[in-house]
């Protein structure tokens, strides 16, 4: 993706004229290496899901470039895009609402095969293989979605995404609706499938612990833009952007003897209809200076392989806290 934008119009009045736009995704650029997983993280409403849907052309981009398997798909017509559709799939966040309650598992998994011209015998063999890959028994194909647990329903969603042998899958918070023990099962399944099939994932989540476990690289979004990107271990070990530092400080430490230094951000996320000028994080940033309100910081390399959009990156102790009423540091 290069300079990808997605604006949703706000219409009103008797003639429904466009009054303004919600800048859900506002000029982001990144790529995903084949066979790896990129985690996309951030607060609710920052534009993560819109990125995933736009990348797959479930919604059309307002501007920008999307290249998939060497082809520019941002401007492709629906008919031109159809041959590429089997190679890019999505697993939705809610496994119940994303499955048709009137169809059995067999009907759900055979539908994409029949739509793409598979013979009945070949489709039946593929169905058996899919059930085995995601850990479901053969008799499960005759049941309806409501007869399964949340984890099993998500496995059905994964099986549907794998039906046409894709190369790229968007995972839109696939474990957020599941219990912790079931989350582990689904995550291990995704890692196993990636290793066996050479899949490439865009993993959308707000759970940083899950991102660290599953992903190779991570991109942090704030108000429609990427503010930091790099290898997972480097970003988690030494975050450069103050927003990333605040997110990581909120991750629980599984040791009652340890106390974390927590960075608390006050105030709400600004509206994507009228975002702040220059750096979009400056109203909540504890180290914001005049330059942050006047000059938009570019996303550039601050450390090897680690990019951040910040005028004052790195250790917060190096910079004065200029807005104590906007943000403060306290013991967790």
Protein backbone atom coordinates (compact mmCIF):
# COMPACT_ATOMS: atom_id res chain seq x y z
CA UNK A 1 0.00 0.00 0.00
CA UNK A 2 1.22 3.47 -0.87
CA UNK A 3 -0.43 6.66 0.40
CA UNK A 4 -3.72 4.81 0.92
CA UNK A 5 -6.73 6.93 1.86
CA UNK A 6 -10.34 6.07 2.63
CA UNK A 7 -12.78 8.89 3.38
CA UNK A 8 -16.46 8.34 4.18
CA UNK A 9 -18.74 11.25 3.19
CA UNK A 10 -21.06 12.86 5.73
CA UNK A 11 -24.22 13.92 3.94
CA UNK A 12 -27.11 16.05 5.12
CA UNK A 13 -29.92 18.37 4.06
CA UNK A 14 -32.81 17.73 1.73
CA UNK A 15 -30.54 17.09 -1.25
CA UNK A 16 -28.11 15.01 0.79
CA UNK A 17 -25.11 17.12 -0.16
CA UNK A 18 -21.69 16.20 1.23
CA UNK A 19 -20.97 18.27 4.33
CA UNK A 20 -17.65 16.75 5.37
CA UNK A 21 -15.70 13.50 5.42
CA UNK A 22 -14.65 10.98 8.04
CA UNK A 23 -10.95 10.41 7.38
CA UNK A 24 -10.88 6.78 8.46
CA UNK A 25 -7.57 6.06 6.68
CA UNK A 26 -5.53 9.11 5.79
CA UNK A 27 -2.40 8.39 3.79
CA UNK A 28 -0.71 5.22 5.04
CA UNK A 29 2.04 3.21 3.37
CA UNK A 30 3.37 -0.24 4.24
CA UNK A 31 4.08 -3.64 2.79
CA UNK A 32 3.94 -7.22 4.05
CA UNK A 33 6.67 -9.70 3.22
CA UNK A 34 5.48 -12.97 1.74
CA UNK A 35 4.99 -15.69 4.34
CA UNK A 36 5.07 -13.29 7.31
CA UNK A 37 2.51 -11.63 9.58
CA UNK A 38 2.07 -7.89 10.05
CA UNK A 39 0.17 -6.85 13.17
CA UNK A 40 -1.94 -3.70 12.91
CA UNK A 41 -2.72 -2.29 16.36
CA UNK A 42 -4.31 0.82 17.87
CA UNK A 43 -7.31 2.11 19.80
CA UNK A 44 -10.87 1.39 18.69
CA UNK A 45 -11.88 3.71 15.86
CA UNK A 46 -8.36 4.37 14.58
CA UNK A 47 -9.10 2.79 11.18
CA UNK A 48 -7.64 -0.73 11.51
CA UNK A 49 -10.64 -2.62 10.15
CA UNK A 50 -11.12 -0.08 7.36
CA UNK A 51 -7.54 -0.75 6.26
CA UNK A 52 -8.22 -4.49 6.11
CA UNK A 53 -11.45 -4.10 4.17
CA UNK A 54 -9.92 -1.57 1.77
CA UNK A 55 -6.88 -3.75 1.10
CA UNK A 56 -9.23 -6.53 -0.06
CA UNK A 57 -11.36 -4.05 -2.04
CA UNK A 58 -14.43 -4.82 0.05
CA UNK A 59 -14.59 -1.03 0.15
CA UNK A 60 -13.04 1.09 -2.58
CA UNK A 61 -10.12 3.37 -1.68
CA UNK A 62 -10.50 7.12 -2.04
CA UNK A 63 -6.89 7.52 -3.15
CA UNK A 64 -3.66 5.57 -3.19
CA UNK A 65 -2.10 2.40 -4.53
CA UNK A 66 -2.66 -1.24 -3.55
CA UNK A 67 -0.37 -3.79 -5.18
CA UNK A 68 -1.06 -7.50 -4.74
CA UNK A 69 0.99 -10.25 -6.39
CA UNK A 70 2.56 -7.66 -8.69
CA UNK A 71 -0.73 -6.15 -9.85
CA UNK A 72 -2.29 -2.78 -9.09
CA UNK A 73 -5.75 -3.58 -7.71
CA UNK A 74 -6.82 -0.19 -6.34
CA UNK A 75 -8.32 0.85 -9.67
CA UNK A 76 -9.40 -2.55 -10.99
CA UNK A 77 -13.01 -3.05 -12.05
CA UNK A 78 -15.02 -5.79 -10.36
CA UNK A 79 -14.74 -8.12 -13.34
CA UNK A 80 -10.96 -7.63 -13.57
CA UNK A 81 -10.58 -8.25 -9.84
CA UNK A 82 -12.55 -11.50 -9.75
CA UNK A 83 -9.67 -13.82 -10.83
CA UNK A 84 -7.61 -12.50 -7.88
CA UNK A 85 -10.37 -12.86 -5.29
CA UNK A 86 -9.59 -16.51 -4.39
CA UNK A 87 -6.04 -15.49 -3.46
CA UNK A 88 -7.09 -12.93 -0.82
CA UNK A 89 -9.52 -13.78 1.95
CA UNK A 90 -10.67 -12.51 5.35
CA UNK A 91 -11.58 -13.98 8.75
CA UNK A 92 -14.09 -11.65 10.40
CA UNK A 93 -14.13 -10.59 14.03
CA UNK A 94 -17.49 -12.07 15.07
CA UNK A 95 -17.70 -15.76 14.11
CA UNK A 96 -21.46 -15.89 14.68
CA UNK A 97 -22.58 -12.94 12.57
CA UNK A 98 -20.16 -13.80 9.73
CA UNK A 99 -21.69 -17.28 9.20
CA UNK A 100 -25.09 -17.79 7.61
CA UNK A 101 -27.31 -19.30 10.36
CA UNK A 102 -29.52 -21.03 7.75
CA UNK A 103 -26.66 -22.95 6.16
CA UNK A 104 -24.88 -26.02 7.46
CA UNK A 105 -21.08 -26.08 7.71
CA UNK A 106 -21.05 -28.21 4.57
CA UNK A 107 -23.04 -25.62 2.61
CA UNK A 108 -20.89 -22.76 3.95
CA UNK A 109 -17.63 -24.39 2.90
CA UNK A 110 -18.85 -25.75 -0.44
CA UNK A 111 -20.35 -22.45 -1.61
CA UNK A 112 -17.06 -20.76 -2.62
CA UNK A 113 -15.91 -23.97 -4.32
CA UNK A 114 -19.07 -24.28 -6.41
CA UNK A 115 -18.96 -20.57 -7.32
CA UNK A 116 -15.48 -21.11 -8.70
CA UNK A 117 -16.40 -24.11 -10.81
CA UNK A 118 -15.15 -27.03 -8.70
CA UNK A 119 -16.65 -30.43 -9.52
CA UNK A 120 -18.73 -32.15 -6.83
CA UNK A 121 -16.21 -34.93 -6.26
CA UNK A 122 -13.26 -32.54 -6.04
CA UNK A 123 -15.21 -30.21 -3.74
CA UNK A 124 -16.09 -33.06 -1.37
CA UNK A 125 -12.42 -34.05 -1.12
CA UNK A 126 -11.50 -30.43 -0.41
CA UNK A 127 -14.20 -30.18 2.26
CA UNK A 128 -12.81 -33.20 4.11
CA UNK A 129 -9.31 -31.72 3.92
CA UNK A 130 -10.49 -28.35 5.30
CA UNK A 131 -12.25 -29.91 8.26
CA UNK A 132 -9.14 -31.89 9.11
CA UNK A 133 -6.86 -28.85 8.83
CA UNK A 134 -8.87 -26.76 11.30
CA UNK A 135 -9.46 -29.60 13.77
CA UNK A 136 -13.15 -30.36 13.13
CA UNK A 137 -14.63 -33.84 12.78
CA UNK A 138 -16.31 -35.06 9.57
CA UNK A 139 -19.77 -35.19 11.22
CA UNK A 140 -19.54 -31.47 12.02
CA UNK A 141 -20.28 -30.62 8.39
CA UNK A 142 -23.97 -31.42 8.88
CA UNK A 143 -24.48 -29.03 11.81
CA UNK A 144 -25.52 -25.38 11.85
CA UNK A 145 -23.35 -22.54 13.28
CA UNK A 146 -25.45 -22.15 16.44
CA UNK A 147 -24.60 -25.73 17.43
CA UNK A 148 -20.92 -24.86 17.92
CA UNK A 149 -18.90 -23.02 20.53
CA UNK A 150 -17.25 -19.69 19.72
CA UNK A 151 -13.88 -21.31 19.10
CA UNK A 152 -15.37 -23.91 16.78
CA UNK A 153 -17.26 -21.24 14.85
CA UNK A 154 -14.04 -19.31 14.36
CA UNK A 155 -12.42 -22.50 13.05
CA UNK A 156 -15.24 -22.69 10.49
CA UNK A 157 -14.46 -19.10 9.49
CA UNK A 158 -10.80 -20.02 9.06
CA UNK A 159 -11.75 -23.08 6.99
CA UNK A 160 -13.92 -20.92 4.73
CA UNK A 161 -11.02 -18.50 4.23
CA UNK A 162 -8.73 -21.42 3.28
CA UNK A 163 -11.21 -23.02 0.87
CA UNK A 164 -9.76 -21.49 -2.32
CA UNK A 165 -6.08 -21.83 -1.35
CA UNK A 166 -5.38 -18.13 -0.73
CA UNK A 167 -1.97 -16.50 -0.51
CA UNK A 168 -3.04 -13.62 1.76
CA UNK A 169 -5.55 -13.50 4.63
CA UNK A 170 -6.77 -10.53 6.65
CA UNK A 171 -7.44 -11.61 10.25
CA UNK A 172 -9.76 -8.97 11.74
CA UNK A 173 -9.46 -9.50 15.51
CA UNK A 174 -10.19 -13.23 15.10
CA UNK A 175 -9.75 -14.02 18.81
CA UNK A 176 -11.30 -10.98 20.52
CA UNK A 177 -14.66 -12.71 21.11
CA UNK A 178 -13.12 -15.90 22.50
CA UNK A 179 -12.06 -17.11 25.93
CA UNK A 180 -8.34 -17.02 26.67
CA UNK A 181 -7.89 -20.80 26.44
CA UNK A 182 -9.78 -20.90 23.14
CA UNK A 183 -7.74 -17.93 21.87
CA UNK A 184 -4.57 -19.97 22.34
CA UNK A 185 -6.02 -22.84 20.29
CA UNK A 186 -7.01 -20.55 17.40
CA UNK A 187 -3.67 -18.70 17.44
CA UNK A 188 -1.72 -21.95 17.39
CA UNK A 189 -3.90 -23.14 14.53
CA UNK A 190 -3.15 -19.96 12.54
CA UNK A 191 0.60 -20.31 13.12
CA UNK A 192 0.51 -23.98 12.12
CA UNK A 193 -1.42 -23.22 8.92
CA UNK A 194 0.93 -20.38 8.01
CA UNK A 195 3.95 -22.65 8.38
CA UNK A 196 2.40 -25.48 6.36
CA UNK A 197 0.78 -23.39 3.59
CA UNK A 198 3.13 -20.39 3.37
CA UNK A 199 0.35 -17.90 4.10
CA UNK A 200 0.76 -14.14 4.53
CA UNK A 201 -1.34 -12.49 7.25
CA UNK A 202 -2.50 -8.99 8.10
CA UNK A 203 -3.43 -9.44 11.76
CA UNK A 204 -5.68 -6.68 13.13
CA UNK A 205 -5.86 -6.55 16.92
CA UNK A 206 -5.79 -4.37 20.02
CA UNK A 207 -4.26 -7.13 22.16
CA UNK A 208 -0.52 -6.45 22.17
CA UNK A 209 0.31 -9.74 23.89
CA UNK A 210 -1.32 -11.67 21.05
CA UNK A 211 0.46 -9.51 18.45
CA UNK A 212 3.83 -10.24 20.06
CA UNK A 213 3.10 -13.98 20.00
CA UNK A 214 1.90 -14.22 16.40
CA UNK A 215 3.43 -11.39 14.34
CA UNK A 216 6.79 -10.75 12.71
CA UNK A 217 6.27 -7.00 12.23
CA UNK A 218 3.92 -4.49 13.82
CA UNK A 219 2.40 -1.19 12.68
CA UNK A 220 0.78 1.13 15.23
CA UNK A 221 -2.16 3.25 14.01
CA UNK A 222 -3.51 6.44 15.52
CA UNK A 223 -6.40 8.41 14.03
CA UNK A 224 -6.07 7.05 10.50
CA UNK A 225 -2.27 7.12 10.27
CA UNK A 226 0.63 4.83 11.09
CA UNK A 227 2.80 6.36 13.81
CA UNK A 228 5.31 3.53 14.27
CA UNK A 229 6.35 0.41 12.38
CA UNK A 230 9.08 -2.19 12.69
CA UNK A 231 9.97 -5.73 13.76
CA UNK A 232 7.88 -6.84 16.74
CA UNK A 233 10.77 -7.49 19.11
CA UNK A 234 12.43 -4.14 18.37
CA UNK A 235 9.24 -2.11 18.76
CA UNK A 236 8.27 -3.89 21.98
CA UNK A 237 11.77 -3.60 23.44
CA UNK A 238 12.38 0.06 22.56
CA UNK A 239 9.28 1.92 21.28
CA UNK A 240 10.09 5.29 19.73
CA UNK A 241 6.68 6.99 19.53
CA UNK A 242 5.04 8.21 22.77
CA UNK A 243 1.72 6.65 21.76
CA UNK A 244 3.37 3.24 21.33
CA UNK A 245 5.05 3.68 24.71
CA UNK A 246 1.69 4.39 26.34
CA UNK A 247 0.09 1.33 24.70
CA UNK A 248 2.89 -0.98 25.80
CA UNK A 249 2.85 0.38 29.35
CA UNK A 250 -0.75 -0.86 29.65
CA UNK A 251 0.15 -4.50 28.88
CA UNK A 252 -0.29 -6.54 32.10
CA UNK A 253 2.83 -8.14 33.57
CA UNK A 254 2.11 -11.75 34.66
CA UNK A 255 4.07 -11.42 37.91
CA UNK A 256 2.48 -10.04 41.11
CA UNK A 257 5.93 -9.08 42.44
CA UNK A 258 6.60 -6.64 39.61
CA UNK A 259 5.12 -3.16 39.21
CA UNK A 260 4.98 -1.52 35.81
CA UNK A 261 5.57 2.14 35.11
CA UNK A 262 2.28 3.17 33.51
CA UNK A 263 1.84 6.10 31.13
CA UNK A 264 -1.70 7.42 31.43
CA UNK A 265 -3.10 9.48 28.58
CA UNK A 266 -5.98 11.78 29.44
CA UNK A 267 -8.59 13.04 27.03
CA UNK A 268 -10.41 11.33 24.17
CA UNK A 269 -9.14 10.53 20.69
CA UNK A 270 -9.90 13.57 18.46
CA UNK A 271 -12.58 13.27 15.80
CA UNK A 272 -11.47 11.85 12.42
CA UNK A 273 -13.81 14.41 10.85
CA UNK A 274 -11.64 17.28 12.07
CA UNK A 275 -8.26 15.85 13.15
CA UNK A 276 -5.61 18.05 14.79
CA UNK A 277 -3.18 19.88 12.54
CA UNK A 278 0.39 18.61 12.14
CA UNK A 279 1.02 15.71 14.54
CA UNK A 280 -2.35 14.15 15.32
CA UNK A 281 -1.18 12.94 18.71
CA UNK A 282 -0.07 16.36 19.96
CA UNK A 283 -3.22 17.17 22.06
CA UNK A 284 -2.55 14.06 24.22
CA UNK A 285 1.25 13.91 24.04
CA UNK A 286 3.20 14.64 27.25
CA UNK A 287 6.22 15.93 25.32
CA UNK A 288 4.51 18.02 22.61
CA UNK A 289 6.28 21.25 21.60
CA UNK A 290 5.33 24.06 19.22
CA UNK A 291 6.86 22.21 16.29
CA UNK A 292 4.45 19.31 16.90
CA UNK A 293 1.51 21.66 16.35
CA UNK A 294 2.98 23.27 13.23
CA UNK A 295 4.89 20.55 11.34
CA UNK A 296 3.55 17.09 10.52
CA UNK A 297 6.32 14.59 11.40
CA UNK A 298 7.12 12.13 8.59
CA UNK A 299 7.22 8.39 9.19
CA UNK A 300 10.97 7.83 8.96
CA UNK A 301 13.66 5.53 10.32
CA UNK A 302 14.66 6.43 13.87
CA UNK A 303 16.57 3.21 14.52
CA UNK A 304 17.58 0.41 12.14
CA UNK A 305 14.39 -1.06 10.59
CA UNK A 306 12.27 0.95 13.05
CA UNK A 307 10.16 3.83 11.71
CA UNK A 308 8.29 6.43 13.75
CA UNK A 309 6.39 9.66 13.03
CA UNK A 310 7.65 11.81 15.91
CA UNK A 311 9.78 14.93 16.34
CA UNK A 312 10.99 13.74 19.76
CA UNK A 313 11.32 9.94 19.59
CA UNK A 314 12.85 7.53 22.05
CA UNK A 315 13.33 7.76 25.80
CA UNK A 316 10.70 10.09 27.34
CA UNK A 317 13.16 11.06 30.09
CA UNK A 318 15.14 13.06 27.53
CA UNK A 319 12.27 15.49 26.96
CA UNK A 320 10.39 17.78 29.35
CA UNK A 321 6.74 17.10 30.12
CA UNK A 322 5.08 20.25 28.83
CA UNK A 323 1.41 19.33 29.25
CA UNK A 324 0.86 17.90 32.74
CA UNK A 325 -2.85 18.49 32.44
CA UNK A 326 -3.06 16.44 29.26
CA UNK A 327 -1.05 13.40 30.30
CA UNK A 328 0.72 12.16 33.36
CA UNK A 329 2.94 9.30 34.47
CA UNK A 330 1.92 7.22 37.48
CA UNK A 331 2.63 3.88 39.09
CA UNK A 332 0.30 1.15 37.85
